[in-house]
Amino acid sequence: MTQTDISLKTKQTMVASLKKFMETKPLSRITVSEICKDCGFNRKTFYYHFEDIYDLLRWMLEQEAIIAVKKFNLLEDSEKVVRFLLDYVDSNKHILNCVYDAMGREGMKRFFLADFNGSIDLIIAGMEKETGTALAPGYRQFLCSFYSNALSGILIDWFHDRTIRTREEMIRYITMTVASSLRGAVSAKADSYSPAYK
């Protein structure tokens, strides 16, 4: 087994322990010592891999959701991506509740922004290639921020209050809105956003 494999297995063991504790107590009351004792690791091992509990949580969410989303073709499989995200929310309610309780709405939103930003950037790159357009960097950054904030906000709202919309409405509305409006933003007035205007 390589050092990389050992490190991955160590991280996964800590994730399993964190999930176990999150079933019974708030995230803010889970300690590094508890996780180390549960896993049979020392604190040095924990801090070699993670800065703190929130870093472990971030890694867990990235491994389970964000990396999986990046395996999809975001332009062609946008509905599958939204379904996957909603499935993840459904199957990890207790974990996301812990995150929400510990960090609040804005904290949880910040948690997802960087990853959503990267995904939106990939979609924009695909649309630029498809339309032969090159957006000005400032406008591209604006679009990434705009859609990342919108998506993370709407998903958190839905997670916190399922009565807002049905699951199928969420899938349809998000897919339709992102596909049509982002495509329009990328292709509209392509001359105005050409590389000459960077």
N, C-alpha and C. Protein backbone atom coordinates (compact mmCIF):
# COMPACT_ATOMS: atom_id res chain seq x y z
N MET A 1 0.84 -1.18 0.00
CA MET A 1 0.00 0.00 0.00
C MET A 1 0.89 1.25 0.00
N THR A 2 0.61 2.19 -0.90
CA THR A 2 1.42 3.40 -1.00
C THR A 2 1.08 4.37 0.13
N GLN A 3 1.95 5.37 0.31
CA GLN A 3 1.72 6.39 1.33
C GLN A 3 0.42 7.14 1.05
N THR A 4 0.14 7.38 -0.24
CA THR A 4 -1.10 8.06 -0.63
C THR A 4 -2.31 7.23 -0.23
N ASP A 5 -2.25 5.91 -0.46
CA ASP A 5 -3.35 5.02 -0.08
C ASP A 5 -3.56 5.01 1.43
N ILE A 6 -2.46 4.97 2.16
CA ILE A 6 -2.53 4.97 3.63
C ILE A 6 -3.15 6.27 4.13
N SER A 7 -2.72 7.39 3.54
CA SER A 7 -3.26 8.70 3.93
C SER A 7 -4.75 8.78 3.64
N LEU A 8 -5.16 8.29 2.47
CA LEU A 8 -6.58 8.31 2.11
C LEU A 8 -7.39 7.45 3.07
N LYS A 9 -6.88 6.27 3.40
CA LYS A 9 -7.59 5.38 4.33
C LYS A 9 -7.70 6.02 5.71
N THR A 10 -6.64 6.70 6.14
CA THR A 10 -6.65 7.39 7.43
C THR A 10 -7.73 8.48 7.44
N LYS A 11 -7.78 9.26 6.37
CA LYS A 11 -8.79 10.32 6.27
C LYS A 11 -10.20 9.74 6.26
N GLN A 12 -10.39 8.66 5.53
CA GLN A 12 -11.71 8.03 5.46
C GLN A 12 -12.15 7.48 6.81
N THR A 13 -11.19 6.96 7.58
CA THR A 13 -11.49 6.47 8.93
C THR A 13 -11.96 7.62 9.81
N MET A 14 -11.29 8.76 9.70
CA MET A 14 -11.69 9.93 10.48
C MET A 14 -13.06 10.45 10.05
N VAL A 15 -13.34 10.40 8.76
CA VAL A 15 -14.66 10.82 8.26
C VAL A 15 -15.75 9.93 8.85
N ALA A 16 -15.52 8.62 8.85
CA ALA A 16 -16.51 7.69 9.41
C ALA A 16 -16.76 8.00 10.88
N SER A 17 -15.71 8.33 11.61
CA SER A 17 -15.85 8.67 13.02
C SER A 17 -16.63 9.98 13.18
N LEU A 18 -16.30 10.97 12.38
CA LEU A 18 -17.01 12.25 12.45
C LEU A 18 -18.50 12.04 12.18
N LYS A 19 -18.82 11.26 11.17
CA LYS A 19 -20.23 10.98 10.84
C LYS A 19 -20.94 10.31 12.01
N LYS A 20 -20.25 9.38 12.65
CA LYS A 20 -20.84 8.67 13.79
C LYS A 20 -21.18 9.65 14.91
N PHE A 21 -20.24 10.54 15.22
CA PHE A 21 -20.49 11.51 16.29
C PHE A 21 -21.57 12.52 15.90
N MET A 22 -21.63 12.87 14.62
CA MET A 22 -22.64 13.83 14.17
C MET A 22 -24.06 13.28 14.26
N GLU A 23 -24.18 11.98 14.37
CA GLU A 23 -25.51 11.36 14.55
C GLU A 23 -26.08 11.68 15.93
N THR A 24 -25.20 11.94 16.89
CA THR A 24 -25.66 12.06 18.28
C THR A 24 -25.39 13.40 18.95
N LYS A 25 -24.54 14.24 18.34
CA LYS A 25 -24.23 15.51 18.99
C LYS A 25 -23.94 16.60 17.98
N PRO A 26 -24.07 17.87 18.40
CA PRO A 26 -23.79 18.99 17.49
C PRO A 26 -22.31 19.02 17.09
N LEU A 27 -22.05 19.53 15.92
CA LEU A 27 -20.68 19.61 15.41
C LEU A 27 -19.77 20.39 16.36
N SER A 28 -20.30 21.44 16.95
CA SER A 28 -19.49 22.28 17.85
C SER A 28 -19.04 21.54 19.11
N ARG A 29 -19.67 20.41 19.41
CA ARG A 29 -19.30 19.66 20.62
C ARG A 29 -18.45 18.44 20.32
N ILE A 30 -18.13 18.22 19.05
CA ILE A 30 -17.26 17.10 18.67
C ILE A 30 -15.82 17.58 18.74
N THR A 31 -14.98 16.80 19.41
CA THR A 31 -13.59 17.23 19.59
C THR A 31 -12.63 16.35 18.79
N VAL A 32 -11.47 16.91 18.53
CA VAL A 32 -10.41 16.16 17.85
C VAL A 32 -10.02 14.96 18.70
N SER A 33 -9.98 15.14 20.01
CA SER A 33 -9.62 14.04 20.92
C SER A 33 -10.58 12.87 20.79
N GLU A 34 -11.88 13.16 20.70
CA GLU A 34 -12.88 12.09 20.54
C GLU A 34 -12.66 11.31 19.24
N ILE A 35 -12.42 12.04 18.18
CA ILE A 35 -12.21 11.38 16.89
C ILE A 35 -10.95 10.53 16.93
N CYS A 36 -9.88 11.07 17.49
CA CYS A 36 -8.62 10.32 17.58
C CYS A 36 -8.79 9.05 18.42
N LYS A 37 -9.46 9.17 19.55
CA LYS A 37 -9.69 8.01 20.42
C LYS A 37 -10.53 6.96 19.70
N ASP A 38 -11.57 7.41 19.02
CA ASP A 38 -12.46 6.50 18.30
C ASP A 38 -11.73 5.77 17.18
N CYS A 39 -10.79 6.46 16.52
CA CYS A 39 -10.07 5.88 15.38
C CYS A 39 -8.82 5.12 15.80
N GLY A 40 -8.36 5.36 17.03
CA GLY A 40 -7.11 4.74 17.47
C GLY A 40 -5.89 5.49 16.94
N PHE A 41 -6.06 6.78 16.63
CA PHE A 41 -4.97 7.62 16.14
C PHE A 41 -4.56 8.60 17.23
N ASN A 42 -3.36 9.15 17.10
CA ASN A 42 -2.98 10.22 18.01
C ASN A 42 -3.31 11.57 17.37
N ARG A 43 -3.25 12.62 18.17
CA ARG A 43 -3.61 13.96 17.68
C ARG A 43 -2.67 14.42 16.55
N LYS A 44 -1.43 13.98 16.63
CA LYS A 44 -0.46 14.36 15.60
C LYS A 44 -0.92 13.84 14.23
N THR A 45 -1.47 12.63 14.21
CA THR A 45 -1.97 12.06 12.96
C THR A 45 -3.12 12.90 12.43
N PHE A 46 -4.02 13.30 13.32
CA PHE A 46 -5.14 14.14 12.88
C PHE A 46 -4.62 15.44 12.27
N TYR A 47 -3.75 16.13 12.99
CA TYR A 47 -3.28 17.43 12.54
C TYR A 47 -2.33 17.35 11.35
N TYR A 48 -1.80 16.19 11.09
CA TYR A 48 -1.01 15.99 9.87
C TYR A 48 -1.92 16.09 8.65
N HIS A 49 -3.16 15.61 8.80
CA HIS A 49 -4.10 15.56 7.67
C HIS A 49 -5.06 16.75 7.62
N PHE A 50 -5.45 17.27 8.78
CA PHE A 50 -6.47 18.33 8.82
C PHE A 50 -6.09 19.41 9.83
N GLU A 51 -6.53 20.63 9.55
CA GLU A 51 -6.28 21.75 10.46
C GLU A 51 -7.17 21.68 11.69
N ASP A 52 -8.44 21.29 11.47
CA ASP A 52 -9.42 21.23 12.56
C ASP A 52 -10.61 20.39 12.10
N ILE A 53 -11.63 20.32 12.93
CA ILE A 53 -12.84 19.54 12.61
C ILE A 53 -13.50 20.05 11.33
N TYR A 54 -13.52 21.38 11.15
CA TYR A 54 -14.17 21.96 9.97
C TYR A 54 -13.42 21.60 8.69
N ASP A 55 -12.11 21.50 8.79
CA ASP A 55 -11.31 21.07 7.63
C ASP A 55 -11.64 19.62 7.27
N LEU A 56 -11.79 18.77 8.28
CA LEU A 56 -12.21 17.38 8.06
C LEU A 56 -13.59 17.34 7.42
N LEU A 57 -14.50 18.14 7.93
CA LEU A 57 -15.86 18.21 7.38
C LEU A 57 -15.83 18.66 5.92
N ARG A 58 -15.05 19.70 5.64
CA ARG A 58 -14.93 20.22 4.27
C ARG A 58 -14.40 19.12 3.33
N TRP A 59 -13.38 18.40 3.77
CA TRP A 59 -12.81 17.34 2.95
C TRP A 59 -13.86 16.26 2.68
N MET A 60 -14.61 15.91 3.72
CA MET A 60 -15.66 14.89 3.57
C MET A 60 -16.68 15.31 2.52
N LEU A 61 -17.16 16.55 2.62
CA LEU A 61 -18.16 17.02 1.66
C LEU A 61 -17.59 17.09 0.25
N GLU A 62 -16.35 17.51 0.13
CA GLU A 62 -15.71 17.56 -1.19
C GLU A 62 -15.61 16.17 -1.79
N GLN A 63 -15.20 15.20 -0.99
CA GLN A 63 -15.03 13.84 -1.50
C GLN A 63 -16.36 13.22 -1.90
N GLU A 64 -17.37 13.46 -1.09
CA GLU A 64 -18.65 12.78 -1.32
C GLU A 64 -19.54 13.48 -2.34
N ALA A 65 -19.41 14.77 -2.46
CA ALA A 65 -20.34 15.49 -3.35
C ALA A 65 -19.63 16.25 -4.46
N ILE A 66 -18.71 17.11 -4.12
CA ILE A 66 -18.15 18.02 -5.11
C ILE A 66 -17.32 17.28 -6.15
N ILE A 67 -16.45 16.38 -5.73
CA ILE A 67 -15.64 15.63 -6.69
C ILE A 67 -16.53 14.78 -7.57
N ALA A 68 -17.57 14.20 -7.00
CA ALA A 68 -18.51 13.40 -7.78
C ALA A 68 -19.21 14.26 -8.83
N VAL A 69 -19.60 15.47 -8.47
CA VAL A 69 -20.26 16.37 -9.42
C VAL A 69 -19.33 16.70 -10.58
N LYS A 70 -18.05 16.88 -10.30
CA LYS A 70 -17.09 17.24 -11.34
C LYS A 70 -16.86 16.12 -12.36
N LYS A 71 -17.31 14.91 -12.05
CA LYS A 71 -17.18 13.80 -12.99
C LYS A 71 -18.24 13.86 -14.09
N PHE A 72 -19.30 14.63 -13.84
CA PHE A 72 -20.35 14.79 -14.85
C PHE A 72 -19.89 15.79 -15.91
N ASN A 73 -20.45 15.66 -17.11
CA ASN A 73 -20.31 16.72 -18.10
C ASN A 73 -21.36 17.76 -17.72
N LEU A 74 -20.92 18.85 -17.13
CA LEU A 74 -21.85 19.81 -16.55
C LEU A 74 -22.75 20.48 -17.58
N LEU A 75 -22.30 20.55 -18.82
CA LEU A 75 -23.14 21.14 -19.87
C LEU A 75 -24.23 20.18 -20.31
N GLU A 76 -23.87 18.92 -20.48
CA GLU A 76 -24.82 17.93 -21.01
C GLU A 76 -25.64 17.25 -19.93
N ASP A 77 -25.10 17.15 -18.73
CA ASP A 77 -25.75 16.39 -17.66
C ASP A 77 -26.24 17.26 -16.52
N SER A 78 -26.65 18.49 -16.80
CA SER A 78 -27.00 19.41 -15.71
C SER A 78 -28.15 18.87 -14.85
N GLU A 79 -29.12 18.20 -15.47
CA GLU A 79 -30.22 17.64 -14.68
C GLU A 79 -29.71 16.53 -13.76
N LYS A 80 -28.80 15.69 -14.26
CA LYS A 80 -28.23 14.62 -13.42
C LYS A 80 -27.45 15.21 -12.25
N VAL A 81 -26.75 16.31 -12.51
CA VAL A 81 -25.98 16.97 -11.44
C VAL A 81 -26.91 17.47 -10.34
N VAL A 82 -28.00 18.13 -10.74
CA VAL A 82 -28.95 18.65 -9.75
C VAL A 82 -29.59 17.49 -8.98
N ARG A 83 -29.96 16.42 -9.68
CA ARG A 83 -30.52 15.24 -9.00
C ARG A 83 -29.52 14.67 -8.00
N PHE A 84 -28.27 14.56 -8.42
CA PHE A 84 -27.23 14.03 -7.53
C PHE A 84 -27.12 14.89 -6.28
N LEU A 85 -27.08 16.22 -6.45
CA LEU A 85 -26.96 17.12 -5.29
C LEU A 85 -28.15 16.98 -4.35
N LEU A 86 -29.36 16.89 -4.91
CA LEU A 86 -30.54 16.75 -4.05
C LEU A 86 -30.57 15.38 -3.37
N ASP A 87 -30.11 14.34 -4.07
CA ASP A 87 -29.98 13.02 -3.44
C ASP A 87 -29.00 13.09 -2.27
N TYR A 88 -27.89 13.80 -2.49
CA TYR A 88 -26.89 13.93 -1.44
C TYR A 88 -27.49 14.66 -0.23
N VAL A 89 -28.23 15.71 -0.48
CA VAL A 89 -28.89 16.45 0.61
C VAL A 89 -29.84 15.53 1.36
N ASP A 90 -30.64 14.74 0.62
CA ASP A 90 -31.60 13.83 1.25
C ASP A 90 -30.92 12.76 2.10
N SER A 91 -29.84 12.19 1.58
CA SER A 91 -29.21 11.07 2.30
C SER A 91 -28.26 11.53 3.40
N ASN A 92 -28.01 12.82 3.50
CA ASN A 92 -27.09 13.33 4.53
C ASN A 92 -27.72 14.45 5.35
N LYS A 93 -29.03 14.33 5.58
CA LYS A 93 -29.75 15.39 6.31
C LYS A 93 -29.12 15.68 7.67
N HIS A 94 -28.81 14.63 8.42
CA HIS A 94 -28.28 14.84 9.77
C HIS A 94 -26.93 15.56 9.74
N ILE A 95 -26.09 15.25 8.76
CA ILE A 95 -24.79 15.91 8.64
C ILE A 95 -24.99 17.38 8.29
N LEU A 96 -25.83 17.63 7.31
CA LEU A 96 -26.07 19.01 6.88
C LEU A 96 -26.77 19.82 7.97
N ASN A 97 -27.63 19.17 8.75
CA ASN A 97 -28.24 19.86 9.90
C ASN A 97 -27.18 20.28 10.91
N CYS A 98 -26.23 19.39 11.15
CA CYS A 98 -25.13 19.71 12.07
C CYS A 98 -24.33 20.91 11.55
N VAL A 99 -24.04 20.91 10.25
CA VAL A 99 -23.30 22.01 9.65
C VAL A 99 -24.10 23.30 9.78
N TYR A 100 -25.38 23.22 9.46
CA TYR A 100 -26.25 24.41 9.52
C TYR A 100 -26.34 24.94 10.94
N ASP A 101 -26.52 24.05 11.92
CA ASP A 101 -26.62 24.47 13.32
C ASP A 101 -25.32 25.10 13.82
N ALA A 102 -24.19 24.55 13.37
CA ALA A 102 -22.89 25.05 13.85
C ALA A 102 -22.47 26.34 13.15
N MET A 103 -22.80 26.48 11.87
CA MET A 103 -22.27 27.59 11.09
C MET A 103 -23.31 28.62 10.67
N GLY A 104 -24.58 28.27 10.79
CA GLY A 104 -25.63 29.17 10.31
C GLY A 104 -25.73 29.15 8.80
N ARG A 105 -26.72 29.87 8.29
CA ARG A 105 -26.97 29.87 6.85
C ARG A 105 -25.78 30.43 6.07
N GLU A 106 -25.26 31.59 6.51
CA GLU A 106 -24.17 32.23 5.77
C GLU A 106 -22.88 31.40 5.84
N GLY A 107 -22.63 30.79 6.99
CA GLY A 107 -21.45 29.93 7.12
C GLY A 107 -21.53 28.73 6.21
N MET A 108 -22.72 28.13 6.16
CA MET A 108 -22.92 26.97 5.28
C MET A 108 -22.78 27.38 3.82
N LYS A 109 -23.30 28.55 3.50
CA LYS A 109 -23.20 29.05 2.13
C LYS A 109 -21.74 29.25 1.74
N ARG A 110 -20.96 29.87 2.60
CA ARG A 110 -19.53 30.09 2.33
C ARG A 110 -18.81 28.76 2.12
N PHE A 111 -19.27 27.76 2.86
CA PHE A 111 -18.67 26.43 2.78
C PHE A 111 -18.73 25.87 1.36
N PHE A 112 -19.84 26.16 0.66
CA PHE A 112 -20.06 25.61 -0.67
C PHE A 112 -19.64 26.53 -1.81
N LEU A 113 -19.45 27.80 -1.54
CA LEU A 113 -19.23 28.77 -2.60
C LEU A 113 -18.03 28.46 -3.49
N ALA A 114 -16.90 28.15 -2.90
CA ALA A 114 -15.69 27.92 -3.71
C ALA A 114 -15.88 26.77 -4.67
N ASP A 115 -16.51 25.70 -4.19
CA ASP A 115 -16.71 24.53 -5.06
C ASP A 115 -17.74 24.80 -6.14
N PHE A 116 -18.83 25.48 -5.79
CA PHE A 116 -19.82 25.85 -6.82
C PHE A 116 -19.18 26.79 -7.83
N ASN A 117 -18.35 27.70 -7.35
CA ASN A 117 -17.67 28.65 -8.23
C ASN A 117 -16.84 27.91 -9.28
N GLY A 118 -16.12 26.88 -8.85
CA GLY A 118 -15.32 26.08 -9.78
C GLY A 118 -16.17 25.36 -10.80
N SER A 119 -17.31 24.84 -10.36
CA SER A 119 -18.22 24.13 -11.27
C SER A 119 -18.82 25.08 -12.29
N ILE A 120 -19.24 26.26 -11.85
CA ILE A 120 -19.81 27.25 -12.77
C ILE A 120 -18.75 27.69 -13.77
N ASP A 121 -17.52 27.86 -13.31
CA ASP A 121 -16.43 28.25 -14.21
C ASP A 121 -16.23 27.21 -15.31
N LEU A 122 -16.34 25.93 -14.96
CA LEU A 122 -16.23 24.87 -15.97
C LEU A 122 -17.36 24.94 -16.99
N ILE A 123 -18.56 25.23 -16.51
CA ILE A 123 -19.71 25.36 -17.42
C ILE A 123 -19.49 26.54 -18.37
N ILE A 124 -19.03 27.66 -17.83
CA ILE A 124 -18.78 28.84 -18.66
C ILE A 124 -17.71 28.53 -19.71
N ALA A 125 -16.65 27.85 -19.30
CA ALA A 125 -15.59 27.50 -20.25
C ALA A 125 -16.15 26.66 -21.39
N GLY A 126 -17.02 25.71 -21.07
CA GLY A 126 -17.65 24.89 -22.11
C GLY A 126 -18.52 25.72 -23.03
N MET A 127 -19.26 26.66 -22.47
CA MET A 127 -20.12 27.52 -23.29
C MET A 127 -19.31 28.47 -24.15
N GLU A 128 -18.20 28.96 -23.62
CA GLU A 128 -17.32 29.82 -24.42
C GLU A 128 -16.79 29.05 -25.63
N LYS A 129 -16.38 27.83 -25.38
CA LYS A 129 -15.87 27.00 -26.48
C LYS A 129 -16.96 26.74 -27.51
N GLU A 130 -18.14 26.43 -27.01
CA GLU A 130 -19.29 26.13 -27.87
C GLU A 130 -19.69 27.33 -28.74
N THR A 131 -19.61 28.53 -28.18
CA THR A 131 -20.06 29.73 -28.89
C THR A 131 -18.91 30.51 -29.54
N GLY A 132 -17.68 30.08 -29.30
CA GLY A 132 -16.54 30.81 -29.85
C GLY A 132 -16.36 32.18 -29.20
N THR A 133 -16.78 32.28 -27.96
CA THR A 133 -16.75 33.54 -27.21
C THR A 133 -15.67 33.47 -26.14
N ALA A 134 -15.05 34.60 -25.85
CA ALA A 134 -14.12 34.68 -24.72
C ALA A 134 -14.56 35.85 -23.84
N LEU A 135 -15.03 35.55 -22.66
CA LEU A 135 -15.51 36.60 -21.77
C LEU A 135 -14.35 37.37 -21.15
N ALA A 136 -14.59 38.63 -20.88
CA ALA A 136 -13.61 39.42 -20.12
C ALA A 136 -13.49 38.79 -18.73
N PRO A 137 -12.28 38.71 -18.18
CA PRO A 137 -12.09 38.06 -16.88
C PRO A 137 -13.00 38.59 -15.77
N GLY A 138 -13.19 39.91 -15.74
CA GLY A 138 -14.05 40.49 -14.70
C GLY A 138 -15.49 40.03 -14.82
N TYR A 139 -15.98 39.94 -16.06
CA TYR A 139 -17.36 39.50 -16.28
C TYR A 139 -17.50 38.02 -15.98
N ARG A 140 -16.50 37.24 -16.35
CA ARG A 140 -16.51 35.81 -16.06
C ARG A 140 -16.56 35.58 -14.54
N GLN A 141 -15.73 36.33 -13.82
CA GLN A 141 -15.70 36.21 -12.36
C GLN A 141 -17.05 36.61 -11.76
N PHE A 142 -17.65 37.67 -12.32
CA PHE A 142 -18.97 38.11 -11.86
C PHE A 142 -20.00 37.00 -12.05
N LEU A 143 -20.02 36.37 -13.24
CA LEU A 143 -20.98 35.30 -13.50
C LEU A 143 -20.78 34.13 -12.54
N CYS A 144 -19.53 33.75 -12.32
CA CYS A 144 -19.24 32.65 -11.38
C CYS A 144 -19.78 32.98 -9.99
N SER A 145 -19.51 34.18 -9.53
CA SER A 145 -19.97 34.60 -8.21
C SER A 145 -21.49 34.67 -8.14
N PHE A 146 -22.11 35.23 -9.17
CA PHE A 146 -23.55 35.39 -9.22
C PHE A 146 -24.26 34.04 -9.14
N TYR A 147 -23.87 33.11 -10.01
CA TYR A 147 -24.55 31.81 -10.05
C TYR A 147 -24.19 30.94 -8.85
N SER A 148 -22.96 31.04 -8.35
CA SER A 148 -22.57 30.27 -7.17
C SER A 148 -23.37 30.69 -5.95
N ASN A 149 -23.51 32.00 -5.77
CA ASN A 149 -24.31 32.51 -4.65
C ASN A 149 -25.77 32.11 -4.78
N ALA A 150 -26.30 32.21 -6.00
CA ALA A 150 -27.70 31.85 -6.22
C ALA A 150 -27.94 30.37 -5.95
N LEU A 151 -27.08 29.51 -6.49
CA LEU A 151 -27.27 28.06 -6.32
C LEU A 151 -27.11 27.63 -4.87
N SER A 152 -26.04 28.10 -4.23
CA SER A 152 -25.84 27.68 -2.84
C SER A 152 -26.98 28.20 -1.97
N GLY A 153 -27.41 29.42 -2.20
CA GLY A 153 -28.52 29.98 -1.42
C GLY A 153 -29.82 29.23 -1.60
N ILE A 154 -30.15 28.91 -2.84
CA ILE A 154 -31.43 28.23 -3.12
C ILE A 154 -31.42 26.80 -2.58
N LEU A 155 -30.26 26.13 -2.67
CA LEU A 155 -30.16 24.76 -2.13
C LEU A 155 -30.27 24.76 -0.61
N ILE A 156 -29.64 25.73 0.04
CA ILE A 156 -29.72 25.81 1.50
C ILE A 156 -31.14 26.15 1.94
N ASP A 157 -31.79 27.06 1.23
CA ASP A 157 -33.19 27.38 1.55
C ASP A 157 -34.06 26.14 1.44
N TRP A 158 -33.88 25.38 0.38
CA TRP A 158 -34.69 24.17 0.16
C TRP A 158 -34.37 23.11 1.22
N PHE A 159 -33.11 22.96 1.54
CA PHE A 159 -32.70 22.00 2.57
C PHE A 159 -33.35 22.35 3.90
N HIS A 160 -33.38 23.64 4.21
CA HIS A 160 -33.90 24.09 5.50
C HIS A 160 -35.43 24.09 5.55
N ASP A 161 -36.08 24.27 4.40
CA ASP A 161 -37.54 24.30 4.36
C ASP A 161 -38.04 23.66 3.07
N ARG A 162 -38.39 22.37 3.16
CA ARG A 162 -38.81 21.61 1.98
C ARG A 162 -40.16 22.02 1.43
N THR A 163 -40.90 22.83 2.18
CA THR A 163 -42.23 23.22 1.71
C THR A 163 -42.16 24.30 0.62
N ILE A 164 -40.99 24.89 0.44
CA ILE A 164 -40.83 25.95 -0.57
C ILE A 164 -41.17 25.43 -1.96
N ARG A 165 -40.58 24.30 -2.32
CA ARG A 165 -40.78 23.70 -3.64
C ARG A 165 -40.64 22.20 -3.53
N THR A 166 -41.27 21.49 -4.47
CA THR A 166 -41.08 20.04 -4.51
C THR A 166 -39.70 19.75 -5.08
N ARG A 167 -39.27 18.54 -4.87
CA ARG A 167 -37.98 18.10 -5.40
C ARG A 167 -37.94 18.25 -6.92
N GLU A 168 -39.00 17.80 -7.59
CA GLU A 168 -39.03 17.87 -9.06
C GLU A 168 -39.05 19.32 -9.56
N GLU A 169 -39.71 20.19 -8.83
CA GLU A 169 -39.68 21.62 -9.20
C GLU A 169 -38.26 22.17 -9.07
N MET A 170 -37.59 21.81 -7.99
CA MET A 170 -36.21 22.26 -7.80
C MET A 170 -35.34 21.83 -8.98
N ILE A 171 -35.45 20.56 -9.35
CA ILE A 171 -34.64 20.03 -10.45
C ILE A 171 -34.94 20.79 -11.74
N ARG A 172 -36.22 20.92 -12.03
CA ARG A 172 -36.63 21.57 -13.28
C ARG A 172 -36.23 23.05 -13.29
N TYR A 173 -36.50 23.76 -12.22
CA TYR A 173 -36.22 25.19 -12.18
C TYR A 173 -34.72 25.50 -12.25
N ILE A 174 -33.94 24.77 -11.46
CA ILE A 174 -32.49 25.02 -11.47
C ILE A 174 -31.90 24.71 -12.84
N THR A 175 -32.24 23.54 -13.37
CA THR A 175 -31.70 23.13 -14.67
C THR A 175 -32.07 24.13 -15.76
N MET A 176 -33.34 24.49 -15.82
CA MET A 176 -33.83 25.40 -16.85
C MET A 176 -33.20 26.79 -16.71
N THR A 177 -33.14 27.29 -15.49
CA THR A 177 -32.62 28.64 -15.27
C THR A 177 -31.13 28.74 -15.58
N VAL A 178 -30.35 27.82 -15.05
CA VAL A 178 -28.91 27.88 -15.28
C VAL A 178 -28.60 27.69 -16.76
N ALA A 179 -29.22 26.69 -17.38
CA ALA A 179 -28.93 26.41 -18.79
C ALA A 179 -29.28 27.59 -19.69
N SER A 180 -30.47 28.15 -19.51
CA SER A 180 -30.89 29.22 -20.43
C SER A 180 -30.25 30.56 -20.11
N SER A 181 -30.25 30.96 -18.85
CA SER A 181 -29.75 32.30 -18.54
C SER A 181 -28.23 32.39 -18.63
N LEU A 182 -27.52 31.35 -18.21
CA LEU A 182 -26.06 31.40 -18.30
C LEU A 182 -25.61 31.35 -19.75
N ARG A 183 -26.27 30.52 -20.54
CA ARG A 183 -25.95 30.46 -21.97
C ARG A 183 -26.20 31.83 -22.62
N GLY A 184 -27.30 32.46 -22.24
CA GLY A 184 -27.60 33.79 -22.77
C GLY A 184 -26.57 34.82 -22.35
N ALA A 185 -26.14 34.75 -21.09
CA ALA A 185 -25.14 35.70 -20.59
C ALA A 185 -23.81 35.54 -21.31
N VAL A 186 -23.45 34.29 -21.61
CA VAL A 186 -22.18 34.03 -22.29
C VAL A 186 -22.23 34.47 -23.75
N SER A 187 -23.35 34.22 -24.41
CA SER A 187 -23.41 34.51 -25.85
C SER A 187 -23.90 35.92 -26.18
N ALA A 188 -24.57 36.59 -25.24
CA ALA A 188 -25.11 37.93 -25.53
C ALA A 188 -23.99 38.92 -25.81
N LYS A 189 -24.15 39.67 -26.86
CA LYS A 189 -23.18 40.71 -27.21
C LYS A 189 -21.76 40.17 -27.15
N ALA A 190 -21.54 39.03 -27.79
CA ALA A 190 -20.22 38.39 -27.75
C ALA A 190 -19.11 39.36 -28.13
N ASP A 191 -19.37 40.28 -29.05
CA ASP A 191 -18.35 41.24 -29.46
C ASP A 191 -17.89 42.12 -28.30
N SER A 192 -18.83 42.45 -27.41
CA SER A 192 -18.50 43.32 -26.29
C SER A 192 -17.57 42.64 -25.29
N TYR A 193 -17.60 41.30 -25.27
CA TYR A 193 -16.81 40.57 -24.29
C TYR A 193 -15.65 39.83 -24.93
N SER A 194 -15.25 40.25 -26.11
CA SER A 194 -14.18 39.54 -26.83
C SER A 194 -12.85 39.80 -26.15
N PRO A 195 -11.83 38.97 -26.44
CA PRO A 195 -10.52 39.11 -25.80
C PRO A 195 -9.93 40.51 -25.93
N ALA A 196 -10.29 41.25 -26.98
CA ALA A 196 -9.76 42.60 -27.18
C ALA A 196 -10.16 43.53 -26.04
N TYR A 197 -11.25 43.17 -25.33
CA TYR A 197 -11.76 44.04 -24.26
C TYR A 197 -11.31 43.59 -22.88
N LYS A 198 -10.35 42.70 -22.77
CA LYS A 198 -9.93 42.18 -21.47
C LYS A 198 -9.37 43.26 -20.60
